[in-house]
Amino acid sequence: MSDNRLVYSTEVGRIDTKVTKQEVTAQTFKDGFIRIERQTKGRKGKGVMLVVGIDSQQHDLKKLAKTLKSKMGQGGALKDGIIEIQGDDRQKLKQILEALKFKVKIAGG
């Protein structure tokens, strides 16, 4: 199934302009809030919390991820501008982020 669209040229390189879900969620939100989402998809039923919407220009995400993992006492990772924290204690994570002067919303159910 070919859609015949140009994705690479030897003159200019990659041309494909598809935006992935990760790129969309890595952007900051207009209301200034960051979101805490819960995700289990592709993780064999194990839940992780995703901290989405932090501006990487203003904050050191690597340092922030380390701080959050330490205060939560759980593992995690930083992938594509999204901080992943293992487990599902979104209220505790929200309190920690609010103590760090972030405006936080819990997204999803």
PDB file of N, CA and C in Angstrom:
ATOM      1  N   MET A   1       0.838  -1.167   0.000  1.00  0.00           N
ATOM      2  CA  MET A   1       0.000   0.000   0.000  1.00  0.00           C
ATOM      3  C   MET A   1       0.889   1.238   0.000  1.00  0.00           C
ATOM      4  N   SER A   2       1.035   1.855  -1.135  1.00  0.00           N
ATOM      5  CA  SER A   2       1.916   2.995  -1.287  1.00  0.00           C
ATOM      6  C   SER A   2       1.106   4.266  -1.520  1.00  0.00           C
ATOM      7  N   ASP A   3       1.492   5.343  -0.849  1.00  0.00           N
ATOM      8  CA  ASP A   3       0.772   6.599  -1.056  1.00  0.00           C
ATOM      9  C   ASP A   3       1.572   7.585  -1.910  1.00  0.00           C
ATOM     10  N   ASN A   4       2.733   7.159  -2.403  1.00  0.00           N
ATOM     11  CA  ASN A   4       3.544   7.928  -3.345  1.00  0.00           C
ATOM     12  C   ASN A   4       3.885   9.342  -2.889  1.00  0.00           C
ATOM     13  N   ARG A   5       4.168   9.518  -1.642  1.00  0.00           N
ATOM     14  CA  ARG A   5       4.589  10.851  -1.215  1.00  0.00           C
ATOM     15  C   ARG A   5       6.079  10.830  -0.918  1.00  0.00           C
ATOM     16  N   LEU A   6       6.744  11.912  -1.215  1.00  0.00           N
ATOM     17  CA  LEU A   6       8.179  12.021  -1.060  1.00  0.00           C
ATOM     18  C   LEU A   6       8.528  12.217   0.415  1.00  0.00           C
ATOM     19  N   VAL A   7       9.415  11.362   0.935  1.00  0.00           N
ATOM     20  CA  VAL A   7       9.819  11.483   2.322  1.00  0.00           C
ATOM     21  C   VAL A   7      11.318  11.758   2.485  1.00  0.00           C
ATOM     22  N   TYR A   8      12.092  11.560   1.426  1.00  0.00           N
ATOM     23  CA  TYR A   8      13.524  11.795   1.526  1.00  0.00           C
ATOM     24  C   TYR A   8      14.053  12.221   0.160  1.00  0.00           C
ATOM     25  N   SER A   9      14.952  13.190   0.181  1.00  0.00           N
ATOM     26  CA  SER A   9      15.613  13.636  -1.035  1.00  0.00           C
ATOM     27  C   SER A   9      17.108  13.714  -0.749  1.00  0.00           C
ATOM     28  N   THR A  10      17.925  13.302  -1.689  1.00  0.00           N
ATOM     29  CA  THR A  10      19.370  13.358  -1.473  1.00  0.00           C
ATOM     30  C   THR A  10      19.869  14.796  -1.401  1.00  0.00           C
ATOM     31  N   GLU A  11      19.108  15.733  -1.921  1.00  0.00           N
ATOM     32  CA  GLU A  11      19.516  17.142  -1.877  1.00  0.00           C
ATOM     33  C   GLU A  11      19.228  17.800  -0.529  1.00  0.00           C
ATOM     34  N   VAL A  12      18.052  17.538   0.045  1.00  0.00           N
ATOM     35  CA  VAL A  12      17.663  18.226   1.275  1.00  0.00           C
ATOM     36  C   VAL A  12      17.509  17.308   2.474  1.00  0.00           C
ATOM     37  N   GLY A  13      17.512  16.009   2.296  1.00  0.00           N
ATOM     38  CA  GLY A  13      17.360  15.085   3.409  1.00  0.00           C
ATOM     39  C   GLY A  13      15.911  14.710   3.643  1.00  0.00           C
ATOM     40  N   ARG A  14      15.551  14.501   4.908  1.00  0.00           N
ATOM     41  CA  ARG A  14      14.207  14.042   5.280  1.00  0.00           C
ATOM     42  C   ARG A  14      13.166  15.114   5.011  1.00  0.00           C
ATOM     43  N   ILE A  15      12.077  14.727   4.358  1.00  0.00           N
ATOM     44  CA  ILE A  15      11.015  15.656   3.992  1.00  0.00           C
ATOM     45  C   ILE A  15       9.718  15.329   4.712  1.00  0.00           C
ATOM     46  N   ASP A  16       9.565  14.109   5.191  1.00  0.00           N
ATOM     47  CA  ASP A  16       8.323  13.662   5.821  1.00  0.00           C
ATOM     48  C   ASP A  16       7.922  14.615   6.947  1.00  0.00           C
ATOM     49  N   THR A  17       6.718  15.142   6.897  1.00  0.00           N
ATOM     50  CA  THR A  17       6.263  16.123   7.890  1.00  0.00           C
ATOM     51  C   THR A  17       5.201  15.569   8.815  1.00  0.00           C
ATOM     52  N   LYS A  18       5.058  14.246   8.883  1.00  0.00           N
ATOM     53  CA  LYS A  18       4.098  13.655   9.817  1.00  0.00           C
ATOM     54  C   LYS A  18       4.497  14.030  11.241  1.00  0.00           C
ATOM     55  N   VAL A  19       3.520  14.319  12.054  1.00  0.00           N
ATOM     56  CA  VAL A  19       3.764  14.626  13.454  1.00  0.00           C
ATOM     57  C   VAL A  19       3.292  13.439  14.274  1.00  0.00           C
ATOM     58  N   THR A  20       4.196  12.871  15.062  1.00  0.00           N
ATOM     59  CA  THR A  20       3.833  11.717  15.879  1.00  0.00           C
ATOM     60  C   THR A  20       3.140  12.171  17.155  1.00  0.00           C
ATOM     61  N   LYS A  21       2.472  11.240  17.840  1.00  0.00           N
ATOM     62  CA  LYS A  21       1.787  11.567  19.088  1.00  0.00           C
ATOM     63  C   LYS A  21       2.781  12.064  20.136  1.00  0.00           C
ATOM     64  N   GLN A  22       3.966  11.464  20.182  1.00  0.00           N
ATOM     65  CA  GLN A  22       4.976  11.895  21.143  1.00  0.00           C
ATOM     66  C   GLN A  22       5.349  13.354  20.928  1.00  0.00           C
ATOM     67  N   GLU A  23       5.481  13.781  19.658  1.00  0.00           N
ATOM     68  CA  GLU A  23       5.838  15.169  19.371  1.00  0.00           C
ATOM     69  C   GLU A  23       4.715  16.116  19.780  1.00  0.00           C
ATOM     70  N   VAL A  24       3.479  15.690  19.617  1.00  0.00           N
ATOM     71  CA  VAL A  24       2.352  16.534  19.999  1.00  0.00           C
ATOM     72  C   VAL A  24       2.309  16.698  21.506  1.00  0.00           C
ATOM     73  N   THR A  25       2.473  15.596  22.246  1.00  0.00           N
ATOM     74  CA  THR A  25       2.369  15.671  23.696  1.00  0.00           C
ATOM     75  C   THR A  25       3.593  16.321  24.325  1.00  0.00           C
ATOM     76  N   ALA A  26       4.712  16.368  23.618  1.00  0.00           N
ATOM     77  CA  ALA A  26       5.910  16.985  24.161  1.00  0.00           C
ATOM     78  C   ALA A  26       5.824  18.514  24.128  1.00  0.00           C
ATOM     79  N   GLN A  27       4.830  19.060  23.435  1.00  0.00           N
ATOM     80  CA  GLN A  27       4.673  20.500  23.359  1.00  0.00           C
ATOM     81  C   GLN A  27       4.063  21.039  24.646  1.00  0.00           C
ATOM     82  N   THR A  28       4.272  22.315  24.894  1.00  0.00           N
ATOM     83  CA  THR A  28       3.661  22.939  26.058  1.00  0.00           C
ATOM     84  C   THR A  28       2.223  23.300  25.744  1.00  0.00           C
ATOM     85  N   PHE A  29       1.405  23.391  26.780  1.00  0.00           N
ATOM     86  CA  PHE A  29       0.004  23.726  26.615  1.00  0.00           C
ATOM     87  C   PHE A  29      -0.192  25.229  26.775  1.00  0.00           C
ATOM     88  N   LYS A  30      -1.172  25.777  26.062  1.00  0.00           N
ATOM     89  CA  LYS A  30      -1.399  27.220  26.067  1.00  0.00           C
ATOM     90  C   LYS A  30      -1.856  27.749  27.420  1.00  0.00           C
ATOM     91  N   ASP A  31      -2.515  26.911  28.231  1.00  0.00           N
ATOM     92  CA  ASP A  31      -3.023  27.381  29.517  1.00  0.00           C
ATOM     93  C   ASP A  31      -1.950  27.426  30.604  1.00  0.00           C
ATOM     94  N   GLY A  32      -0.736  26.969  30.297  1.00  0.00           N
ATOM     95  CA  GLY A  32       0.361  27.049  31.251  1.00  0.00           C
ATOM     96  C   GLY A  32       0.421  25.889  32.233  1.00  0.00           C
ATOM     97  N   PHE A  33      -0.533  24.984  32.176  1.00  0.00           N
ATOM     98  CA  PHE A  33      -0.538  23.832  33.068  1.00  0.00           C
ATOM     99  C   PHE A  33       0.269  22.705  32.447  1.00  0.00           C
ATOM    100  N   ILE A  34       0.845  21.861  33.310  1.00  0.00           N
ATOM    101  CA  ILE A  34       1.420  20.613  32.834  1.00  0.00           C
ATOM    102  C   ILE A  34       0.443  19.511  33.209  1.00  0.00           C
ATOM    103  N   ARG A  35       0.472  18.414  32.489  1.00  0.00           N
ATOM    104  CA  ARG A  35      -0.474  17.322  32.709  1.00  0.00           C
ATOM    105  C   ARG A  35       0.242  16.088  33.236  1.00  0.00           C
ATOM    106  N   ILE A  36      -0.461  15.369  34.113  1.00  0.00           N
ATOM    107  CA  ILE A  36      -0.010  14.064  34.564  1.00  0.00           C
ATOM    108  C   ILE A  36      -0.984  13.053  33.979  1.00  0.00           C
ATOM    109  N   GLU A  37      -0.484  12.182  33.113  1.00  0.00           N
ATOM    110  CA  GLU A  37      -1.302  11.169  32.473  1.00  0.00           C
ATOM    111  C   GLU A  37      -0.874   9.795  32.968  1.00  0.00           C
ATOM    112  N   ARG A  38      -1.798   8.848  32.906  1.00  0.00           N
ATOM    113  CA  ARG A  38      -1.482   7.459  33.244  1.00  0.00           C
ATOM    114  C   ARG A  38      -1.502   6.650  31.962  1.00  0.00           C
ATOM    115  N   GLN A  39      -0.502   5.794  31.780  1.00  0.00           N
ATOM    116  CA  GLN A  39      -0.436   4.987  30.567  1.00  0.00           C
ATOM    117  C   GLN A  39      -0.025   3.558  30.898  1.00  0.00           C
ATOM    118  N   THR A  40      -0.732   2.593  30.298  1.00  0.00           N
ATOM    119  CA  THR A  40      -0.369   1.184  30.468  1.00  0.00           C
ATOM    120  C   THR A  40      -0.111   0.526  29.128  1.00  0.00           C
ATOM    121  N   LYS A  41      -0.449   1.191  28.048  1.00  0.00           N
ATOM    122  CA  LYS A  41      -0.341   0.617  26.713  1.00  0.00           C
ATOM    123  C   LYS A  41       1.111   0.226  26.391  1.00  0.00           C
ATOM    124  N   GLY A  42       1.285  -1.016  25.976  1.00  0.00           N
ATOM    125  CA  GLY A  42       2.604  -1.499  25.585  1.00  0.00           C
ATOM    126  C   GLY A  42       3.538  -1.756  26.751  1.00  0.00           C
ATOM    127  N   ARG A  43       2.978  -1.855  27.959  1.00  0.00           N
ATOM    128  CA  ARG A  43       3.822  -2.047  29.142  1.00  0.00           C
ATOM    129  C   ARG A  43       3.402  -3.284  29.938  1.00  0.00           C
ATOM    130  N   LYS A  44       2.732  -4.213  29.271  1.00  0.00           N
ATOM    131  CA  LYS A  44       2.275  -5.461  29.890  1.00  0.00           C
ATOM    132  C   LYS A  44       1.410  -5.202  31.117  1.00  0.00           C
ATOM    133  N   GLY A  45       0.571  -4.171  31.061  1.00  0.00           N
ATOM    134  CA  GLY A  45      -0.347  -3.873  32.142  1.00  0.00           C
ATOM    135  C   GLY A  45       0.233  -3.043  33.267  1.00  0.00           C
ATOM    136  N   LYS A  46       1.529  -2.844  33.261  1.00  0.00           N
ATOM    137  CA  LYS A  46       2.167  -2.027  34.297  1.00  0.00           C
ATOM    138  C   LYS A  46       1.926  -0.551  33.978  1.00  0.00           C
ATOM    139  N   GLY A  47       1.517   0.216  34.946  1.00  0.00           N
ATOM    140  CA  GLY A  47       1.213   1.620  34.716  1.00  0.00           C
ATOM    141  C   GLY A  47       2.408   2.526  34.945  1.00  0.00           C
ATOM    142  N   VAL A  48       2.476   3.582  34.168  1.00  0.00           N
ATOM    143  CA  VAL A  48       3.442   4.648  34.384  1.00  0.00           C
ATOM    144  C   VAL A  48       2.703   5.971  34.343  1.00  0.00           C
ATOM    145  N   MET A  49       3.250   6.954  35.009  1.00  0.00           N
ATOM    146  CA  MET A  49       2.706   8.306  34.966  1.00  0.00           C
ATOM    147  C   MET A  49       3.572   9.120  34.018  1.00  0.00           C
ATOM    148  N   LEU A  50       2.931   9.849  33.121  1.00  0.00           N
ATOM    149  CA  LEU A  50       3.640  10.696  32.176  1.00  0.00           C
ATOM    150  C   LEU A  50       3.447  12.145  32.577  1.00  0.00           C
ATOM    151  N   VAL A  51       4.535  12.873  32.736  1.00  0.00           N
ATOM    152  CA  VAL A  51       4.481  14.302  33.022  1.00  0.00           C
ATOM    153  C   VAL A  51       4.719  15.006  31.690  1.00  0.00           C
ATOM    154  N   VAL A  52       3.666  15.663  31.189  1.00  0.00           N
ATOM    155  CA  VAL A  52       3.647  16.200  29.834  1.00  0.00           C
ATOM    156  C   VAL A  52       3.446  17.705  29.872  1.00  0.00           C
ATOM    157  N   GLY A  53       4.131  18.408  28.971  1.00  0.00           N
ATOM    158  CA  GLY A  53       3.889  19.837  28.796  1.00  0.00           C
ATOM    159  C   GLY A  53       4.900  20.749  29.465  1.00  0.00           C
ATOM    160  N   ILE A  54       6.007  20.214  29.938  1.00  0.00           N
ATOM    161  CA  ILE A  54       7.034  21.053  30.550  1.00  0.00           C
ATOM    162  C   ILE A  54       7.931  21.605  29.449  1.00  0.00           C
ATOM    163  N   ASP A  55       8.146  22.903  29.468  1.00  0.00           N
ATOM    164  CA  ASP A  55       8.963  23.560  28.449  1.00  0.00           C
ATOM    165  C   ASP A  55      10.434  23.238  28.691  1.00  0.00           C
ATOM    166  N   SER A  56      11.040  22.532  27.741  1.00  0.00           N
ATOM    167  CA  SER A  56      12.438  22.126  27.899  1.00  0.00           C
ATOM    168  C   SER A  56      13.396  23.304  27.759  1.00  0.00           C
ATOM    169  N   GLN A  57      12.924  24.426  27.226  1.00  0.00           N
ATOM    170  CA  GLN A  57      13.757  25.625  27.116  1.00  0.00           C
ATOM    171  C   GLN A  57      13.947  26.283  28.488  1.00  0.00           C
ATOM    172  N   GLN A  58      12.933  26.202  29.338  1.00  0.00           N
ATOM    173  CA  GLN A  58      12.968  26.880  30.638  1.00  0.00           C
ATOM    174  C   GLN A  58      13.426  25.981  31.778  1.00  0.00           C
ATOM    175  N   HIS A  59      13.290  24.667  31.630  1.00  0.00           N
ATOM    176  CA  HIS A  59      13.590  23.750  32.721  1.00  0.00           C
ATOM    177  C   HIS A  59      14.537  22.654  32.246  1.00  0.00           C
ATOM    178  N   ASP A  60      15.417  22.231  33.137  1.00  0.00           N
ATOM    179  CA  ASP A  60      16.306  21.110  32.860  1.00  0.00           C
ATOM    180  C   ASP A  60      15.538  19.825  33.141  1.00  0.00           C
ATOM    181  N   LEU A  61      15.026  19.200  32.086  1.00  0.00           N
ATOM    182  CA  LEU A  61      14.163  18.037  32.250  1.00  0.00           C
ATOM    183  C   LEU A  61      14.890  16.857  32.883  1.00  0.00           C
ATOM    184  N   LYS A  62      16.159  16.700  32.562  1.00  0.00           N
ATOM    185  CA  LYS A  62      16.928  15.589  33.122  1.00  0.00           C
ATOM    186  C   LYS A  62      17.044  15.725  34.646  1.00  0.00           C
ATOM    187  N   LYS A  63      17.334  16.922  35.097  1.00  0.00           N
ATOM    188  CA  LYS A  63      17.450  17.179  36.530  1.00  0.00           C
ATOM    189  C   LYS A  63      16.089  17.047  37.214  1.00  0.00           C
ATOM    190  N   LEU A  64      15.039  17.558  36.568  1.00  0.00           N
ATOM    191  CA  LEU A  64      13.698  17.464  37.128  1.00  0.00           C
ATOM    192  C   LEU A  64      13.247  16.005  37.228  1.00  0.00           C
ATOM    193  N   ALA A  65      13.530  15.208  36.198  1.00  0.00           N
ATOM    194  CA  ALA A  65      13.170  13.788  36.223  1.00  0.00           C
ATOM    195  C   ALA A  65      13.872  13.077  37.374  1.00  0.00           C
ATOM    196  N   LYS A  66      15.131  13.388  37.579  1.00  0.00           N
ATOM    197  CA  LYS A  66      15.883  12.766  38.673  1.00  0.00           C
ATOM    198  C   LYS A  66      15.283  13.140  40.021  1.00  0.00           C
ATOM    199  N   THR A  67      14.906  14.405  40.177  1.00  0.00           N
ATOM    200  CA  THR A  67      14.294  14.871  41.421  1.00  0.00           C
ATOM    201  C   THR A  67      12.968  14.164  41.675  1.00  0.00           C
ATOM    202  N   LEU A  68      12.137  14.072  40.645  1.00  0.00           N
ATOM    203  CA  LEU A  68      10.827  13.427  40.797  1.00  0.00           C
ATOM    204  C   LEU A  68      10.969  11.952  41.146  1.00  0.00           C
ATOM    205  N   LYS A  69      11.866  11.258  40.460  1.00  0.00           N
ATOM    206  CA  LYS A  69      12.071   9.838  40.745  1.00  0.00           C
ATOM    207  C   LYS A  69      12.554   9.643  42.176  1.00  0.00           C
ATOM    208  N   SER A  70      13.427  10.514  42.628  1.00  0.00           N
ATOM    209  CA  SER A  70      13.957  10.419  43.979  1.00  0.00           C
ATOM    210  C   SER A  70      12.862  10.662  45.023  1.00  0.00           C
ATOM    211  N   LYS A  71      12.084  11.716  44.833  1.00  0.00           N
ATOM    212  CA  LYS A  71      11.029  12.050  45.803  1.00  0.00           C
ATOM    213  C   LYS A  71       9.891  11.037  45.788  1.00  0.00           C
ATOM    214  N   MET A  72       9.621  10.433  44.632  1.00  0.00           N
ATOM    215  CA  MET A  72       8.575   9.417  44.546  1.00  0.00           C
ATOM    216  C   MET A  72       9.074   8.053  45.032  1.00  0.00           C
ATOM    217  N   GLY A  73      10.391   7.852  45.040  1.00  0.00           N
ATOM    218  CA  GLY A  73      10.953   6.575  45.447  1.00  0.00           C
ATOM    219  C   GLY A  73      10.706   5.490  44.416  1.00  0.00           C
ATOM    220  N   GLN A  74      10.617   5.897  43.148  1.00  0.00           N
ATOM    221  CA  GLN A  74      10.316   4.959  42.079  1.00  0.00           C
ATOM    222  C   GLN A  74      11.222   5.237  40.892  1.00  0.00           C
ATOM    223  N   GLY A  75      11.275   4.288  39.982  1.00  0.00           N
ATOM    224  CA  GLY A  75      12.074   4.446  38.780  1.00  0.00           C
ATOM    225  C   GLY A  75      11.337   5.256  37.731  1.00  0.00           C
ATOM    226  N   GLY A  76      12.004   5.503  36.642  1.00  0.00           N
ATOM    227  CA  GLY A  76      11.395   6.253  35.557  1.00  0.00           C
ATOM    228  C   GLY A  76      12.409   6.565  34.486  1.00  0.00           C
ATOM    229  N   ALA A  77      11.995   7.424  33.556  1.00  0.00           N
ATOM    230  CA  ALA A  77      12.863   7.773  32.438  1.00  0.00           C
ATOM    231  C   ALA A  77      12.428   9.104  31.850  1.00  0.00           C
ATOM    232  N   LEU A  78      13.293   9.658  31.010  1.00  0.00           N
ATOM    233  CA  LEU A  78      12.986  10.854  30.237  1.00  0.00           C
ATOM    234  C   LEU A  78      13.064  10.453  28.775  1.00  0.00           C
ATOM    235  N   LYS A  79      11.919  10.528  28.067  1.00  0.00           N
ATOM    236  CA  LYS A  79      11.877  10.134  26.660  1.00  0.00           C
ATOM    237  C   LYS A  79      11.149  11.195  25.859  1.00  0.00           C
ATOM    238  N   ASP A  80      11.796  11.758  24.868  1.00  0.00           N
ATOM    239  CA  ASP A  80      11.186  12.719  23.942  1.00  0.00           C
ATOM    240  C   ASP A  80      10.531  13.894  24.650  1.00  0.00           C
ATOM    241  N   GLY A  81      11.139  14.405  25.690  1.00  0.00           N
ATOM    242  CA  GLY A  81      10.595  15.558  26.396  1.00  0.00           C
ATOM    243  C   GLY A  81       9.461  15.224  27.345  1.00  0.00           C
ATOM    244  N   ILE A  82       9.220  13.946  27.576  1.00  0.00           N
ATOM    245  CA  ILE A  82       8.163  13.493  28.487  1.00  0.00           C
ATOM    246  C   ILE A  82       8.822  12.716  29.614  1.00  0.00           C
ATOM    247  N   ILE A  83       8.487  13.084  30.849  1.00  0.00           N
ATOM    248  CA  ILE A  83       9.043  12.393  32.009  1.00  0.00           C
ATOM    249  C   ILE A  83       8.115  11.237  32.366  1.00  0.00           C
ATOM    250  N   GLU A  84       8.670  10.036  32.449  1.00  0.00           N
ATOM    251  CA  GLU A  84       7.908   8.845  32.830  1.00  0.00           C
ATOM    252  C   GLU A  84       8.316   8.440  34.239  1.00  0.00           C
ATOM    253  N   ILE A  85       7.320   8.252  35.111  1.00  0.00           N
ATOM    254  CA  ILE A  85       7.553   7.785  36.475  1.00  0.00           C
ATOM    255  C   ILE A  85       6.762   6.505  36.652  1.00  0.00           C
ATOM    256  N   GLN A  86       7.399   5.463  37.164  1.00  0.00           N
ATOM    257  CA  GLN A  86       6.718   4.181  37.331  1.00  0.00           C
ATOM    258  C   GLN A  86       5.686   4.263  38.445  1.00  0.00           C
ATOM    259  N   GLY A  87       4.635   3.462  38.311  1.00  0.00           N
ATOM    260  CA  GLY A  87       3.602   3.388  39.336  1.00  0.00           C
ATOM    261  C   GLY A  87       2.392   4.243  39.000  1.00  0.00           C
ATOM    262  N   ASP A  88       1.485   4.373  39.959  1.00  0.00           N
ATOM    263  CA  ASP A  88       0.274   5.148  39.746  1.00  0.00           C
ATOM    264  C   ASP A  88      -0.125   5.878  41.028  1.00  0.00           C
ATOM    265  N   ASP A  89       0.663   6.839  41.433  1.00  0.00           N
ATOM    266  CA  ASP A  89       0.328   7.686  42.583  1.00  0.00           C
ATOM    267  C   ASP A  89       0.329   9.127  42.101  1.00  0.00           C
ATOM    268  N   ARG A  90      -0.658   9.448  41.258  1.00  0.00           N
ATOM    269  CA  ARG A  90      -0.694  10.759  40.611  1.00  0.00           C
ATOM    270  C   ARG A  90      -0.914  11.895  41.597  1.00  0.00           C
ATOM    271  N   GLN A  91      -1.641  11.639  42.684  1.00  0.00           N
ATOM    272  CA  GLN A  91      -1.873  12.699  43.675  1.00  0.00           C
ATOM    273  C   GLN A  91      -0.566  13.106  44.351  1.00  0.00           C
ATOM    274  N   LYS A  92       0.253  12.135  44.703  1.00  0.00           N
ATOM    275  CA  LYS A  92       1.549  12.432  45.329  1.00  0.00           C
ATOM    276  C   LYS A  92       2.448  13.186  44.349  1.00  0.00           C
ATOM    277  N   LEU A  93       2.455  12.739  43.084  1.00  0.00           N
ATOM    278  CA  LEU A  93       3.260  13.407  42.062  1.00  0.00           C
ATOM    279  C   LEU A  93       2.786  14.836  41.848  1.00  0.00           C
ATOM    280  N   LYS A  94       1.481  15.044  41.872  1.00  0.00           N
ATOM    281  CA  LYS A  94       0.919  16.390  41.720  1.00  0.00           C
ATOM    282  C   LYS A  94       1.376  17.292  42.861  1.00  0.00           C
ATOM    283  N   GLN A  95       1.343  16.779  44.088  1.00  0.00           N
ATOM    284  CA  GLN A  95       1.778  17.568  45.243  1.00  0.00           C
ATOM    285  C   GLN A  95       3.252  17.948  45.137  1.00  0.00           C
ATOM    286  N   ILE A  96       4.080  17.019  44.678  1.00  0.00           N
ATOM    287  CA  ILE A  96       5.512  17.298  44.528  1.00  0.00           C
ATOM    288  C   ILE A  96       5.734  18.383  43.474  1.00  0.00           C
ATOM    289  N   LEU A  97       5.046  18.272  42.331  1.00  0.00           N
ATOM    290  CA  LEU A  97       5.201  19.264  41.264  1.00  0.00           C
ATOM    291  C   LEU A  97       4.676  20.630  41.693  1.00  0.00           C
ATOM    292  N   GLU A  98       3.578  20.654  42.448  1.00  0.00           N
ATOM    293  CA  GLU A  98       3.053  21.931  42.936  1.00  0.00           C
ATOM    294  C   GLU A  98       4.010  22.569  43.933  1.00  0.00           C
ATOM    295  N   ALA A  99       4.693  21.759  44.724  1.00  0.00           N
ATOM    296  CA  ALA A  99       5.700  22.279  45.649  1.00  0.00           C
ATOM    297  C   ALA A  99       6.884  22.873  44.896  1.00  0.00           C
ATOM    298  N   LEU A 100       7.105  22.389  43.662  1.00  0.00           N
ATOM    299  CA  LEU A 100       8.171  22.926  42.817  1.00  0.00           C
ATOM    300  C   LEU A 100       7.683  24.101  41.955  1.00  0.00           C
ATOM    301  N   LYS A 101       6.493  24.639  42.292  1.00  0.00           N
ATOM    302  CA  LYS A 101       5.915  25.832  41.652  1.00  0.00           C
ATOM    303  C   LYS A 101       5.403  25.606  40.241  1.00  0.00           C
ATOM    304  N   PHE A 102       4.946  24.387  39.924  1.00  0.00           N
ATOM    305  CA  PHE A 102       4.292  24.105  38.653  1.00  0.00           C
ATOM    306  C   PHE A 102       2.787  24.141  38.836  1.00  0.00           C
ATOM    307  N   LYS A 103       2.070  24.547  37.788  1.00  0.00           N
ATOM    308  CA  LYS A 103       0.626  24.433  37.771  1.00  0.00           C
ATOM    309  C   LYS A 103       0.310  23.086  37.130  1.00  0.00           C
ATOM    310  N   VAL A 104      -0.432  22.245  37.832  1.00  0.00           N
ATOM    311  CA  VAL A 104      -0.583  20.846  37.426  1.00  0.00           C
ATOM    312  C   VAL A 104      -2.059  20.468  37.302  1.00  0.00           C
ATOM    313  N   LYS A 105      -2.369  19.681  36.270  1.00  0.00           N
ATOM    314  CA  LYS A 105      -3.682  19.064  36.112  1.00  0.00           C
ATOM    315  C   LYS A 105      -3.477  17.571  35.921  1.00  0.00           C
ATOM    316  N   ILE A 106      -4.405  16.787  36.476  1.00  0.00           N
ATOM    317  CA  ILE A 106      -4.382  15.345  36.232  1.00  0.00           C
ATOM    318  C   ILE A 106      -5.265  15.090  35.031  1.00  0.00           C
ATOM    319  N   ALA A 107      -4.696  14.503  33.995  1.00  0.00           N
ATOM    320  CA  ALA A 107      -5.410  14.264  32.739  1.00  0.00           C
ATOM    321  C   ALA A 107      -5.838  12.801  32.673  1.00  0.00           C
ATOM    322  N   GLY A 108      -6.953  12.566  32.040  1.00  0.00           N
ATOM    323  CA  GLY A 108      -7.429  11.205  31.857  1.00  0.00           C
ATOM    324  C   GLY A 108      -8.152  10.685  33.073  1.00  0.00           C
ATOM    325  N   GLY A 109      -8.566   9.433  33.015  1.00  0.00           N
ATOM    326  CA  GLY A 109      -9.372   8.854  34.094  1.00  0.00           C
ATOM    327  C   GLY A 109      -8.628   7.916  34.881  1.00  0.00           C
TER     328      GLY A 109
END
